[in-house]
Amino acid sequence: MRTSLLGRGALATVVLLLVAACGGGASSGDAASGPVMSDLAPSYSAQPDAEKSRPAQGKKAERRRQARRDAARTGDRQAGSAAAEAASDEHRQRQGASAPAREATLSSAPVLVDDPSGDLSRSVEGAPASADIVAVRLVRRGGSVEVRTTFAGAVPTRQTGEKGMNVASFYDVDDNGIVDYEVWTSLADNGWGTGYLDRREEKATFGPSPGIRVSVDGNTLVTRFPVSRLGDAEAFRWSAASEWGSYASMSSSTSARDYAPDRGAVDYPAGG
């Protein structure tokens, strides 16, 4: 099942128009273009037992929080000492640790999603190989997240003929099956623009203001953004998607689309 975004819009040559279906606001940066908001976002199955489904990194954070709660409740010295040590470690990471130490603490192995080629949804407008996802790689390095989306063909740097392309990644940070944050990139005749949707706060932004950076590396589109755009989440479920077509087909859900994975989401860090 696919659920719609908070807002829909149409991209003219240089203007992003957002219609906030849930009353959310939109703010703009000074980029020339932004994403055409469509109903590309997926929905995931809710996790019935968040503790069991939470990746290891999230479990460690929860144990630290529980240790502090136990110490405050019982006054147990040993528990209090463990809690104080955990709090001290966290404080050093935020305030006094070196950049390499912080990066080592907050980083983990990349998560790779392979996607079969040739599985774009059908569209009367057709679609190029450059819209067909074959792999997505996500990694966190310190306070930054990098998503590398690889396609079956070379990623274009301009789009012509009243056509456009969206590439987005989606994040569920609390295991309830609902996407909380969306990071968008969009190709138009003036190049790639960026956008961001915070579904918790019902706000959308586009252009440089979200701190999102996008670049092309052969068949790969590289998107980088601060982890603060995910509410500083240490663990989450995520997926990616692309769509290609006219602006009318994007707004009417008839564009050619590809999801990675084809259904559901993957854990970050891996092994959750």
Protein backbone atom coordinates (compact mmCIF):
# COMPACT_ATOMS: atom_id res chain seq x y z
CA MET A 1 0.00 0.00 0.00
CA ARG A 2 1.25 3.48 -0.81
CA THR A 3 0.34 6.53 1.21
CA SER A 4 0.44 10.10 -0.03
CA LEU A 5 2.82 12.81 1.13
CA LEU A 6 1.69 15.64 3.33
CA GLY A 7 1.63 17.92 0.34
CA ARG A 8 1.29 17.82 -3.42
CA GLY A 9 2.54 20.34 -5.91
CA ALA A 10 3.56 21.11 -9.45
CA LEU A 11 6.97 22.26 -10.59
CA ALA A 12 6.99 25.11 -13.08
CA THR A 13 10.34 26.01 -14.59
CA VAL A 14 11.75 27.53 -11.41
CA VAL A 15 8.98 27.44 -8.79
CA LEU A 16 7.89 24.70 -6.39
CA LEU A 17 4.25 24.94 -5.34
CA LEU A 18 3.18 22.88 -2.35
CA VAL A 19 -0.40 22.16 -1.36
CA ALA A 20 -0.35 21.02 2.25
CA ALA A 21 -2.99 18.34 2.50
CA CYS A 22 -2.65 18.19 6.27
CA GLY A 23 -2.25 21.90 6.86
CA GLY A 24 1.56 21.81 6.88
CA GLY A 25 3.54 24.84 5.86
CA ALA A 26 6.20 25.11 3.16
CA SER A 27 9.25 27.29 3.13
CA SER A 28 11.74 27.85 0.35
CA GLY A 29 15.46 28.25 -0.02
CA ASP A 30 16.98 30.05 -2.96
CA ALA A 31 17.48 27.05 -5.23
CA ALA A 32 16.15 27.26 -8.75
CA SER A 33 14.11 24.10 -8.48
CA GLY A 34 12.72 21.59 -6.01
CA PRO A 35 10.86 18.29 -6.05
CA VAL A 36 7.42 17.76 -7.48
CA MET A 37 5.66 16.35 -4.44
CA SER A 38 3.71 13.24 -5.41
CA ASP A 39 2.39 10.20 -3.58
CA LEU A 40 5.67 8.33 -4.03
CA ALA A 41 6.10 7.68 -0.29
CA PRO A 42 5.54 4.08 0.87
CA SER A 43 4.02 2.73 4.05
CA TYR A 44 5.64 -0.01 6.11
CA SER A 45 4.25 -2.67 8.38
CA ALA A 46 4.28 -1.62 12.02
CA GLN A 47 6.62 -3.52 14.34
CA PRO A 48 4.55 -5.15 17.13
CA ASP A 49 7.49 -5.31 19.55
CA ALA A 50 9.66 -2.24 19.15
CA GLU A 51 12.29 -3.47 21.63
CA LYS A 52 12.82 -6.75 19.79
CA SER A 53 12.84 -5.07 16.38
CA ARG A 54 15.07 -2.15 17.36
CA PRO A 55 18.63 -2.41 15.95
CA ALA A 56 21.48 -2.99 18.39
CA GLN A 57 22.55 0.64 18.44
CA GLY A 58 19.10 1.69 19.58
CA LYS A 59 19.01 -1.04 22.23
CA LYS A 60 22.27 0.22 23.74
CA ALA A 61 20.88 3.73 23.98
CA GLU A 62 17.74 2.39 25.66
CA ARG A 63 19.81 0.42 28.17
CA ARG A 64 21.72 3.59 29.08
CA ARG A 65 18.45 5.45 29.61
CA GLN A 66 17.07 2.57 31.69
CA ALA A 67 20.20 2.54 33.85
CA ARG A 68 19.68 6.21 34.66
CA ARG A 69 16.01 5.61 35.49
CA ASP A 70 16.88 2.67 37.76
CA ALA A 71 19.52 4.69 39.59
CA ALA A 72 17.13 7.57 40.22
CA ARG A 73 14.39 5.24 41.40
CA THR A 74 16.34 2.94 43.71
CA GLY A 75 19.38 4.98 44.70
CA ASP A 76 21.52 1.94 44.01
CA ARG A 77 25.14 3.10 43.97
CA GLN A 78 26.31 0.63 41.39
CA ALA A 79 23.50 1.50 39.02
CA GLY A 80 24.09 5.17 39.70
CA SER A 81 27.77 4.80 38.87
CA ALA A 82 26.96 3.02 35.61
CA ALA A 83 24.45 5.70 34.70
CA ALA A 84 26.90 8.48 35.54
CA GLU A 85 29.57 6.83 33.40
CA ALA A 86 27.17 6.49 30.48
CA ALA A 87 26.08 10.10 30.84
CA SER A 88 29.70 11.21 31.05
CA ASP A 89 30.52 9.31 27.86
CA GLU A 90 27.62 10.94 26.06
CA HIS A 91 28.67 14.37 27.32
CA ARG A 92 32.25 13.85 26.15
CA GLN A 93 30.99 12.78 22.75
CA ARG A 94 28.92 15.94 22.43
CA GLN A 95 31.34 18.43 24.00
CA GLY A 96 34.90 17.23 24.31
CA ALA A 97 35.60 14.28 22.06
CA SER A 98 37.72 14.71 18.96
CA ALA A 99 36.03 14.60 15.56
CA PRO A 100 37.49 11.14 14.72
CA ALA A 101 36.26 9.75 18.06
CA ARG A 102 32.76 11.15 17.51
CA GLU A 103 32.66 9.74 14.00
CA ALA A 104 33.75 6.29 15.21
CA THR A 105 31.02 6.34 17.86
CA LEU A 106 28.21 7.51 15.60
CA SER A 107 29.11 5.59 12.43
CA SER A 108 28.42 2.01 11.47
CA ALA A 109 28.76 -0.23 8.44
CA PRO A 110 26.94 0.80 5.24
CA VAL A 111 23.61 -0.81 4.45
CA LEU A 112 23.18 -1.91 0.83
CA VAL A 113 19.88 -2.67 -0.90
CA ASP A 114 20.06 -4.49 -4.24
CA ASP A 115 17.15 -3.98 -6.62
CA PRO A 116 16.50 -5.91 -9.86
CA SER A 117 16.81 -3.98 -13.11
CA GLY A 118 13.81 -3.72 -15.42
CA ASP A 119 11.25 -3.50 -12.61
CA LEU A 120 10.01 0.05 -13.23
CA SER A 121 6.24 0.33 -13.09
CA ARG A 122 4.57 0.72 -16.48
CA SER A 123 3.80 4.17 -17.82
CA VAL A 124 2.33 5.27 -21.14
CA GLU A 125 5.21 7.75 -21.31
CA GLY A 126 7.84 5.02 -21.01
CA ALA A 127 11.01 5.61 -18.96
CA PRO A 128 14.79 5.67 -19.50
CA ALA A 129 17.26 3.26 -17.89
CA SER A 130 18.48 6.20 -15.79
CA ALA A 131 15.23 5.96 -13.77
CA ASP A 132 15.64 2.23 -13.01
CA ILE A 133 17.20 1.70 -9.54
CA VAL A 134 19.62 -1.23 -9.24
CA ALA A 135 21.13 -0.50 -5.80
CA VAL A 136 20.96 1.94 -2.90
CA ARG A 137 23.69 2.35 -0.27
CA LEU A 138 23.21 4.26 2.99
CA VAL A 139 25.94 5.08 5.49
CA ARG A 140 26.20 7.41 8.48
CA ARG A 141 29.49 9.15 9.18
CA GLY A 142 29.39 11.17 12.36
CA GLY A 143 26.63 13.73 11.97
CA SER A 144 26.07 13.14 8.24
CA VAL A 145 24.07 10.60 6.23
CA GLU A 146 24.98 9.66 2.66
CA VAL A 147 22.60 7.87 0.29
CA ARG A 148 24.01 6.60 -3.02
CA THR A 149 21.28 5.56 -5.47
CA THR A 150 22.63 3.65 -8.49
CA PHE A 151 20.64 3.28 -11.72
CA ALA A 152 20.78 1.07 -14.82
CA GLY A 153 21.90 4.06 -16.90
CA ALA A 154 23.93 7.25 -16.50
CA VAL A 155 22.21 9.83 -14.31
CA PRO A 156 21.39 12.97 -16.33
CA THR A 157 22.24 16.46 -15.11
CA ARG A 158 19.43 18.22 -17.03
CA GLN A 159 15.91 17.25 -18.06
CA THR A 160 14.06 18.52 -21.13
CA GLY A 161 10.73 18.04 -22.88
CA GLU A 162 8.41 18.88 -19.98
CA LYS A 163 9.57 15.78 -18.14
CA GLY A 164 11.06 15.45 -14.68
CA MET A 165 12.51 12.90 -12.28
CA ASN A 166 12.28 12.47 -8.51
CA VAL A 167 14.58 10.38 -6.31
CA ALA A 168 13.65 10.17 -2.63
CA SER A 169 14.49 8.29 0.56
CA PHE A 170 12.05 7.66 3.41
CA TYR A 171 12.59 7.09 7.14
CA ASP A 172 10.50 5.56 9.94
CA VAL A 173 12.28 6.31 13.22
CA ASP A 174 9.80 4.80 15.70
CA ASP A 175 8.77 1.47 14.09
CA ASN A 176 5.11 2.42 13.76
CA GLY A 177 5.01 1.83 10.00
CA ILE A 178 4.55 5.51 9.15
CA VAL A 179 7.25 7.49 7.33
CA ASP A 180 8.46 10.32 9.59
CA TYR A 181 10.97 12.08 7.32
CA GLU A 182 11.49 12.30 3.57
CA VAL A 183 14.56 13.53 1.68
CA TRP A 184 13.89 14.48 -1.96
CA THR A 185 15.94 15.33 -5.03
CA SER A 186 14.32 16.43 -8.27
CA LEU A 187 15.61 16.89 -11.82
CA ALA A 188 14.29 19.61 -14.09
CA ASP A 189 15.66 21.63 -17.01
CA ASN A 190 17.84 23.66 -14.62
CA GLY A 191 19.42 20.65 -12.88
CA TRP A 192 18.93 18.83 -9.60
CA GLY A 193 17.08 20.48 -6.73
CA THR A 194 16.46 19.21 -3.19
CA GLY A 195 13.58 19.03 -0.76
CA TYR A 196 12.71 17.77 2.69
CA LEU A 197 9.49 16.75 4.39
CA ASP A 198 9.07 16.49 8.16
CA ARG A 199 5.78 14.65 8.49
CA ARG A 200 5.80 14.90 12.29
CA GLU A 201 5.81 18.69 12.20
CA GLU A 202 3.86 18.86 8.92
CA LYS A 203 6.47 21.09 7.31
CA ALA A 204 8.19 21.00 3.94
CA THR A 205 11.30 22.88 2.81
CA PHE A 206 13.27 22.95 -0.41
CA GLY A 207 16.46 24.41 -1.78
CA PRO A 208 19.64 24.92 0.29
CA SER A 209 17.75 25.44 3.56
CA PRO A 210 17.48 21.73 4.43
CA GLY A 211 21.28 21.33 4.22
CA ILE A 212 20.85 18.64 1.58
CA ARG A 213 23.53 18.26 -1.09
CA VAL A 214 23.13 16.30 -4.31
CA SER A 215 25.71 15.33 -6.94
CA VAL A 216 26.02 12.98 -9.92
CA ASP A 217 28.70 10.27 -10.13
CA GLY A 218 28.19 8.33 -13.38
CA ASN A 219 25.23 6.00 -12.82
CA THR A 220 24.90 7.08 -9.19
CA LEU A 221 23.06 9.97 -7.57
CA VAL A 222 24.70 10.94 -4.28
CA THR A 223 22.62 12.69 -1.60
CA ARG A 224 24.12 13.93 1.66
CA PHE A 225 22.36 15.56 4.59
CA PRO A 226 22.78 16.08 8.36
CA VAL A 227 21.34 13.38 10.62
CA SER A 228 19.40 16.17 12.36
CA ARG A 229 17.04 15.89 9.37
CA LEU A 230 16.08 12.50 10.83
CA GLY A 231 15.57 13.86 14.33
CA ASP A 232 19.11 12.69 15.23
CA ALA A 233 17.82 9.11 15.20
CA GLU A 234 20.46 6.46 15.89
CA ALA A 235 18.34 3.70 14.34
CA PHE A 236 15.53 3.67 11.80
CA ARG A 237 13.88 1.80 8.96
CA TRP A 238 14.29 3.25 5.48
CA SER A 239 13.74 2.75 1.77
CA ALA A 240 14.23 4.64 -1.49
CA ALA A 241 12.25 5.26 -4.68
CA SER A 242 12.44 7.01 -8.04
CA GLU A 243 9.90 8.24 -10.54
CA TRP A 244 10.13 9.66 -14.06
CA GLY A 245 7.56 11.30 -16.27
CA SER A 246 5.71 14.49 -17.03
CA TYR A 247 4.71 16.74 -14.16
CA ALA A 248 1.10 15.81 -14.84
CA SER A 249 1.86 12.08 -14.53
CA MET A 250 3.70 12.61 -11.25
CA SER A 251 0.79 14.48 -9.71
CA SER A 252 -1.69 11.87 -11.00
CA SER A 253 0.35 8.81 -9.85
CA THR A 254 0.87 7.51 -13.41
CA SER A 255 4.62 8.14 -13.66
CA ALA A 256 7.11 5.28 -14.05
CA ARG A 257 8.27 4.29 -10.55
CA ASP A 258 10.80 2.01 -8.90
CA TYR A 259 11.10 1.12 -5.20
CA ALA A 260 14.12 -0.26 -3.34
CA PRO A 261 13.37 -2.60 -1.75
CA ASP A 262 10.29 -3.46 -3.80
CA ARG A 263 8.27 -3.80 -0.59
CA GLY A 264 8.82 -2.83 2.99
CA ALA A 265 11.96 -1.29 4.46
CA VAL A 266 15.43 -2.17 5.73
CA ASP A 267 17.01 -1.53 9.13
CA TYR A 268 19.77 0.92 9.86
CA PRO A 269 22.07 -0.18 11.38
CA ALA A 270 21.83 -3.61 9.81
CA GLY A 271 20.91 -6.61 11.93
CA GLY A 272 17.93 -5.12 13.74
